PDB file of all heavy atoms in Angstrom:
ATOM      1  N   TYR A   1     -46.446   8.869  22.651  1.00  0.00           N
ATOM      2  CA  TYR A   1     -46.794   7.560  23.141  1.00  0.00           C
ATOM      3  C   TYR A   1     -48.110   7.204  22.552  1.00  0.00           C
ATOM      4  O   TYR A   1     -49.172   7.318  23.239  1.00  0.00           O
ATOM      5  CB  TYR A   1     -46.748   7.500  24.638  1.00  0.00           C
ATOM      6  CG  TYR A   1     -47.014   6.116  25.213  1.00  0.00           C
ATOM      7  CD1 TYR A   1     -46.199   5.047  24.798  1.00  0.00           C
ATOM      8  CD2 TYR A   1     -47.868   5.917  26.268  1.00  0.00           C
ATOM      9  CE1 TYR A   1     -46.397   3.774  25.364  1.00  0.00           C
ATOM     10  CE2 TYR A   1     -48.031   4.690  26.813  1.00  0.00           C
ATOM     11  CZ  TYR A   1     -47.263   3.627  26.343  1.00  0.00           C
ATOM     12  OH  TYR A   1     -47.518   2.336  26.883  1.00  0.00           O
ATOM     13  N   GLY A   2     -48.158   6.956  21.272  1.00  0.00           N
ATOM     14  CA  GLY A   2     -49.359   6.693  20.479  1.00  0.00           C
ATOM     15  C   GLY A   2     -48.970   6.732  19.012  1.00  0.00           C
ATOM     16  O   GLY A   2     -47.760   6.565  18.703  1.00  0.00           O
ATOM     17  N   CYS A   3     -49.906   7.075  18.201  1.00  0.00           N
ATOM     18  CA  CYS A   3     -49.608   7.085  16.720  1.00  0.00           C
ATOM     19  C   CYS A   3     -49.673   8.413  16.057  1.00  0.00           C
ATOM     20  O   CYS A   3     -50.227   9.306  16.667  1.00  0.00           O
ATOM     21  CB  CYS A   3     -50.668   6.117  16.066  1.00  0.00           C
ATOM     22  SG  CYS A   3     -50.603   4.360  16.433  1.00  0.00           S
ATOM     23  N   ILE A   4     -49.131   8.467  14.875  1.00  0.00           N
ATOM     24  CA  ILE A   4     -49.224   9.659  14.042  1.00  0.00           C
ATOM     25  C   ILE A   4     -49.793   9.258  12.684  1.00  0.00           C
ATOM     26  O   ILE A   4     -49.917   8.038  12.461  1.00  0.00           O
ATOM     27  CB  ILE A   4     -47.840  10.394  13.792  1.00  0.00           C
ATOM     28  CG1 ILE A   4     -46.875   9.440  13.008  1.00  0.00           C
ATOM     29  CG2 ILE A   4     -47.202  10.724  15.108  1.00  0.00           C
ATOM     30  CD1 ILE A   4     -45.979  10.132  12.147  1.00  0.00           C
ATOM     31  N   ARG A   5     -50.137  10.207  11.876  1.00  0.00           N
ATOM     32  CA  ARG A   5     -50.499   9.870  10.459  1.00  0.00           C
ATOM     33  C   ARG A   5     -49.845  10.895   9.553  1.00  0.00           C
ATOM     34  O   ARG A   5     -49.131  11.773  10.036  1.00  0.00           O
ATOM     35  CB  ARG A   5     -52.001   9.892  10.296  1.00  0.00           C
ATOM     36  CG  ARG A   5     -52.655  11.238  10.486  1.00  0.00           C
ATOM     37  CD  ARG A   5     -54.188  11.057  10.422  1.00  0.00           C
ATOM     38  NE  ARG A   5     -54.853  12.315  10.003  1.00  0.00           N
ATOM     39  CZ  ARG A   5     -56.081  12.311   9.620  1.00  0.00           C
ATOM     40  NH1 ARG A   5     -56.801  11.165   9.607  1.00  0.00           N
ATOM     41  NH2 ARG A   5     -56.658  13.417   9.271  1.00  0.00           N
ATOM     42  N   ASP A   6     -49.962  10.727   8.247  1.00  0.00           N
ATOM     43  CA  ASP A   6     -49.337  11.531   7.281  1.00  0.00           C
ATOM     44  C   ASP A   6     -47.776  11.409   7.381  1.00  0.00           C
ATOM     45  O   ASP A   6     -47.042  12.432   7.245  1.00  0.00           O
ATOM     46  CB  ASP A   6     -49.677  13.074   7.437  1.00  0.00           C
ATOM     47  CG  ASP A   6     -51.235  13.253   7.317  1.00  0.00           C
ATOM     48  OD1 ASP A   6     -51.900  12.691   6.367  1.00  0.00           O
ATOM     49  OD2 ASP A   6     -51.808  13.906   8.170  1.00  0.00           O
ATOM     50  N   ALA A   7     -47.328  10.236   7.598  1.00  0.00           N
ATOM     51  CA  ALA A   7     -45.922   9.992   7.868  1.00  0.00           C
ATOM     52  C   ALA A   7     -45.047  10.442   6.712  1.00  0.00           C
ATOM     53  O   ALA A   7     -43.936  10.978   6.966  1.00  0.00           O
ATOM     54  CB  ALA A   7     -45.708   8.482   8.119  1.00  0.00           C
ATOM     55  N   LYS A   8     -45.466  10.223   5.479  1.00  0.00           N
ATOM     56  CA  LYS A   8     -44.628  10.599   4.297  1.00  0.00           C
ATOM     57  C   LYS A   8     -44.421  12.147   4.407  1.00  0.00           C
ATOM     58  O   LYS A   8     -43.278  12.591   4.216  1.00  0.00           O
ATOM     59  CB  LYS A   8     -45.321  10.201   3.013  1.00  0.00           C
ATOM     60  CG  LYS A   8     -44.485  10.457   1.824  1.00  0.00           C
ATOM     61  CD  LYS A   8     -45.067   9.899   0.589  1.00  0.00           C
ATOM     62  CE  LYS A   8     -44.235  10.167  -0.697  1.00  0.00           C
ATOM     63  NZ  LYS A   8     -44.776   9.608  -1.857  1.00  0.00           N
ATOM     64  N   ALA A   9     -45.439  12.982   4.584  1.00  0.00           N
ATOM     65  CA  ALA A   9     -45.306  14.404   4.570  1.00  0.00           C
ATOM     66  C   ALA A   9     -44.454  14.813   5.718  1.00  0.00           C
ATOM     67  O   ALA A   9     -43.597  15.704   5.654  1.00  0.00           O
ATOM     68  CB  ALA A   9     -46.646  15.012   4.669  1.00  0.00           C
ATOM     69  N   ILE A  10     -44.698  14.233   6.970  1.00  0.00           N
ATOM     70  CA  ILE A  10     -43.956  14.649   8.124  1.00  0.00           C
ATOM     71  C   ILE A  10     -42.451  14.247   7.902  1.00  0.00           C
ATOM     72  O   ILE A  10     -41.598  15.047   8.471  1.00  0.00           O
ATOM     73  CB  ILE A  10     -44.574  13.951   9.344  1.00  0.00           C
ATOM     74  CG1 ILE A  10     -45.893  14.540   9.642  1.00  0.00           C
ATOM     75  CG2 ILE A  10     -43.640  14.011  10.582  1.00  0.00           C
ATOM     76  CD1 ILE A  10     -46.687  13.820  10.785  1.00  0.00           C
ATOM     77  N   GLY A  11     -42.163  13.242   7.214  1.00  0.00           N
ATOM     78  CA  GLY A  11     -40.779  12.854   6.969  1.00  0.00           C
ATOM     79  C   GLY A  11     -39.997  13.880   6.216  1.00  0.00           C
ATOM     80  O   GLY A  11     -38.713  13.874   6.183  1.00  0.00           O
ATOM     81  N   HIS A  12     -40.678  14.872   5.543  1.00  0.00           N
ATOM     82  CA  HIS A  12     -39.965  15.892   4.757  1.00  0.00           C
ATOM     83  C   HIS A  12     -39.895  17.213   5.527  1.00  0.00           C
ATOM     84  O   HIS A  12     -39.488  18.245   5.038  1.00  0.00           O
ATOM     85  CB  HIS A  12     -40.700  16.097   3.477  1.00  0.00           C
ATOM     86  CG  HIS A  12     -40.597  14.894   2.575  1.00  0.00           C
ATOM     87  ND1 HIS A  12     -39.431  14.533   1.916  1.00  0.00           N
ATOM     88  CD2 HIS A  12     -41.510  14.008   2.162  1.00  0.00           C
ATOM     89  CE1 HIS A  12     -39.640  13.430   1.253  1.00  0.00           C
ATOM     90  NE2 HIS A  12     -40.871  13.035   1.346  1.00  0.00           N
ATOM     91  N   MET A  13     -40.417  17.223   6.848  1.00  0.00           N
ATOM     92  CA  MET A  13     -40.520  18.500   7.506  1.00  0.00           C
ATOM     93  C   MET A  13     -39.304  18.543   8.546  1.00  0.00           C
ATOM     94  O   MET A  13     -38.872  17.566   9.095  1.00  0.00           O
ATOM     95  CB  MET A  13     -41.798  18.571   8.357  1.00  0.00           C
ATOM     96  CG  MET A  13     -42.986  18.658   7.523  1.00  0.00           C
ATOM     97  SD  MET A  13     -44.457  18.783   8.497  1.00  0.00           S
ATOM     98  CE  MET A  13     -45.734  18.459   7.291  1.00  0.00           C
ATOM     99  N   PRO A  14     -38.711  19.779   8.728  1.00  0.00           N
ATOM    100  CA  PRO A  14     -37.579  19.968   9.634  1.00  0.00           C
ATOM    101  C   PRO A  14     -37.974  19.980  11.095  1.00  0.00           C
ATOM    102  O   PRO A  14     -37.730  20.917  11.841  1.00  0.00           O
ATOM    103  CB  PRO A  14     -36.974  21.298   9.168  1.00  0.00           C
ATOM    104  CG  PRO A  14     -38.229  22.044   8.751  1.00  0.00           C
ATOM    105  CD  PRO A  14     -39.138  21.077   8.050  1.00  0.00           C
ATOM    106  N   VAL A  15     -38.548  18.810  11.536  1.00  0.00           N
ATOM    107  CA  VAL A  15     -38.920  18.646  12.933  1.00  0.00           C
ATOM    108  C   VAL A  15     -38.744  17.227  13.315  1.00  0.00           C
ATOM    109  O   VAL A  15     -38.849  16.325  12.472  1.00  0.00           O
ATOM    110  CB  VAL A  15     -40.379  19.186  13.199  1.00  0.00           C
ATOM    111  CG1 VAL A  15     -41.392  18.254  12.519  1.00  0.00           C
ATOM    112  CG2 VAL A  15     -40.693  19.215  14.664  1.00  0.00           C
ATOM    113  N   GLY A  16     -38.358  16.943  14.575  1.00  0.00           N
ATOM    114  CA  GLY A  16     -38.251  15.590  14.999  1.00  0.00           C
ATOM    115  C   GLY A  16     -39.579  15.105  15.449  1.00  0.00           C
ATOM    116  O   GLY A  16     -40.331  15.828  16.241  1.00  0.00           O
ATOM    117  N   VAL A  17     -39.984  13.917  15.062  1.00  0.00           N
ATOM    118  CA  VAL A  17     -41.227  13.295  15.453  1.00  0.00           C
ATOM    119  C   VAL A  17     -40.900  11.846  15.733  1.00  0.00           C
ATOM    120  O   VAL A  17     -40.555  11.074  14.841  1.00  0.00           O
ATOM    121  CB  VAL A  17     -42.353  13.430  14.423  1.00  0.00           C
ATOM    122  CG1 VAL A  17     -43.585  12.669  14.877  1.00  0.00           C
ATOM    123  CG2 VAL A  17     -42.616  14.876  14.168  1.00  0.00           C
ATOM    124  N   PHE A  18     -41.149  11.460  16.973  1.00  0.00           N
ATOM    125  CA  PHE A  18     -40.998   9.935  17.346  1.00  0.00           C
ATOM    126  C   PHE A  18     -42.366   9.554  17.784  1.00  0.00           C
ATOM    127  O   PHE A  18     -43.138  10.263  18.515  1.00  0.00           O
ATOM    128  CB  PHE A  18     -40.051   9.791  18.583  1.00  0.00           C
ATOM    129  CG  PHE A  18     -38.625   9.741  18.216  1.00  0.00           C
ATOM    130  CD1 PHE A  18     -38.082  10.347  17.067  1.00  0.00           C
ATOM    131  CD2 PHE A  18     -37.711   9.044  19.018  1.00  0.00           C
ATOM    132  CE1 PHE A  18     -36.759  10.211  16.734  1.00  0.00           C
ATOM    133  CE2 PHE A  18     -36.329   8.950  18.741  1.00  0.00           C
ATOM    134  CZ  PHE A  18     -35.906   9.544  17.599  1.00  0.00           C
ATOM    135  N   ALA A  19     -42.727   8.379  17.409  1.00  0.00           N
ATOM    136  CA  ALA A  19     -44.097   7.816  17.813  1.00  0.00           C
ATOM    137  C   ALA A  19     -43.998   6.299  17.799  1.00  0.00           C
ATOM    138  O   ALA A  19     -43.004   5.704  17.279  1.00  0.00           O
ATOM    139  CB  ALA A  19     -45.150   8.225  16.841  1.00  0.00           C
ATOM    140  N   LEU A  20     -44.997   5.620  18.315  1.00  0.00           N
ATOM    141  CA  LEU A  20     -45.059   4.194  18.278  1.00  0.00           C
ATOM    142  C   LEU A  20     -45.229   3.583  16.976  1.00  0.00           C
ATOM    143  O   LEU A  20     -44.563   2.618  16.550  1.00  0.00           O
ATOM    144  CB  LEU A  20     -46.105   3.700  19.223  1.00  0.00           C
ATOM    145  CG  LEU A  20     -45.955   3.999  20.791  1.00  0.00           C
ATOM    146  CD1 LEU A  20     -47.175   3.462  21.507  1.00  0.00           C
ATOM    147  CD2 LEU A  20     -44.719   3.497  21.345  1.00  0.00           C
ATOM    148  N   ASP A  21     -46.137   4.222  16.146  1.00  0.00           N
ATOM    149  CA  ASP A  21     -46.503   3.758  14.869  1.00  0.00           C
ATOM    150  C   ASP A  21     -47.321   4.770  14.108  1.00  0.00           C
ATOM    151  O   ASP A  21     -47.555   5.869  14.596  1.00  0.00           O
ATOM    152  CB  ASP A  21     -47.180   2.384  14.943  1.00  0.00           C
ATOM    153  CG  ASP A  21     -46.837   1.458  13.772  1.00  0.00           C
ATOM    154  OD1 ASP A  21     -46.544   1.962  12.632  1.00  0.00           O
ATOM    155  OD2 ASP A  21     -46.867   0.238  14.015  1.00  0.00           O
ATOM    156  N   THR A  22     -47.948   4.375  13.065  1.00  0.00           N
ATOM    157  CA  THR A  22     -48.884   5.199  12.224  1.00  0.00           C
ATOM    158  C   THR A  22     -50.202   4.622  12.288  1.00  0.00           C
ATOM    159  O   THR A  22     -50.369   3.345  12.466  1.00  0.00           O
ATOM    160  CB  THR A  22     -48.417   5.303  10.752  1.00  0.00           C
ATOM    161  OG1 THR A  22     -48.351   4.069  10.162  1.00  0.00           O
ATOM    162  CG2 THR A  22     -47.036   5.963  10.660  1.00  0.00           C
ATOM    163  N   HIS A  23     -51.208   5.485  12.059  1.00  0.00           N
ATOM    164  CA  HIS A  23     -52.594   5.017  11.937  1.00  0.00           C
ATOM    165  C   HIS A  23     -53.319   6.088  11.160  1.00  0.00           C
ATOM    166  O   HIS A  23     -53.198   7.267  11.371  1.00  0.00           O
ATOM    167  CB  HIS A  23     -53.254   4.929  13.356  1.00  0.00           C
ATOM    168  CG  HIS A  23     -54.519   4.170  13.359  1.00  0.00           C
ATOM    169  ND1 HIS A  23     -55.645   4.547  12.756  1.00  0.00           N
ATOM    170  CD2 HIS A  23     -54.756   2.959  13.952  1.00  0.00           C
ATOM    171  CE1 HIS A  23     -56.614   3.649  12.949  1.00  0.00           C
ATOM    172  NE2 HIS A  23     -56.066   2.662  13.667  1.00  0.00           N
ATOM    173  N   PRO A  24     -54.137   5.668  10.194  1.00  0.00           N
ATOM    174  CA  PRO A  24     -54.756   6.629   9.279  1.00  0.00           C
ATOM    175  C   PRO A  24     -55.932   7.371   9.812  1.00  0.00           C
ATOM    176  O   PRO A  24     -56.345   8.436   9.369  1.00  0.00           O
ATOM    177  CB  PRO A  24     -55.230   5.830   8.030  1.00  0.00           C
ATOM    178  CG  PRO A  24     -55.424   4.386   8.591  1.00  0.00           C
ATOM    179  CD  PRO A  24     -54.386   4.250   9.660  1.00  0.00           C
ATOM    180  N   ARG A  25     -56.500   6.870  10.902  1.00  0.00           N
ATOM    181  CA  ARG A  25     -57.709   7.439  11.539  1.00  0.00           C
ATOM    182  C   ARG A  25     -57.332   8.714  12.409  1.00  0.00           C
ATOM    183  O   ARG A  25     -56.426   8.632  13.237  1.00  0.00           O
ATOM    184  CB  ARG A  25     -58.504   6.499  12.342  1.00  0.00           C
ATOM    185  CG  ARG A  25     -59.763   7.024  12.955  1.00  0.00           C
ATOM    186  CD  ARG A  25     -60.682   5.938  13.591  1.00  0.00           C
ATOM    187  NE  ARG A  25     -61.306   5.273  12.461  1.00  0.00           N
ATOM    188  CZ  ARG A  25     -61.339   3.951  12.347  1.00  0.00           C
ATOM    189  NH1 ARG A  25     -60.778   3.166  13.251  1.00  0.00           N
ATOM    190  NH2 ARG A  25     -62.036   3.373  11.371  1.00  0.00           N
ATOM    191  N   LYS A  26     -58.098   9.826  12.283  1.00  0.00           N
ATOM    192  CA  LYS A  26     -57.871  10.954  13.112  1.00  0.00           C
ATOM    193  C   LYS A  26     -58.522  10.728  14.460  1.00  0.00           C
ATOM    194  O   LYS A  26     -59.436   9.861  14.626  1.00  0.00           O
ATOM    195  CB  LYS A  26     -58.492  12.236  12.503  1.00  0.00           C
ATOM    196  CG  LYS A  26     -59.963  12.230  12.238  1.00  0.00           C
ATOM    197  CD  LYS A  26     -60.417  13.488  11.608  1.00  0.00           C
ATOM    198  CE  LYS A  26     -61.906  13.495  11.403  1.00  0.00           C
ATOM    199  NZ  LYS A  26     -62.417  14.721  10.776  1.00  0.00           N
ATOM    200  N   SER A  27     -58.179  11.502  15.434  1.00  0.00           N
ATOM    201  CA  SER A  27     -58.736  11.468  16.773  1.00  0.00           C
ATOM    202  C   SER A  27     -60.037  12.139  16.942  1.00  0.00           C
ATOM    203  O   SER A  27     -60.341  12.947  16.032  1.00  0.00           O
ATOM    204  CB  SER A  27     -57.661  11.948  17.749  1.00  0.00           C
ATOM    205  OG  SER A  27     -57.746  13.409  17.780  1.00  0.00           O
TER     206      SER A  27
END
């Protein structure tokens, strides 16, 4: 319930990831 980054790389990994959107800034 927030954002992720590195969406292109995550899209090639064998894991499910759901998020609201992407954001380039780290926490």
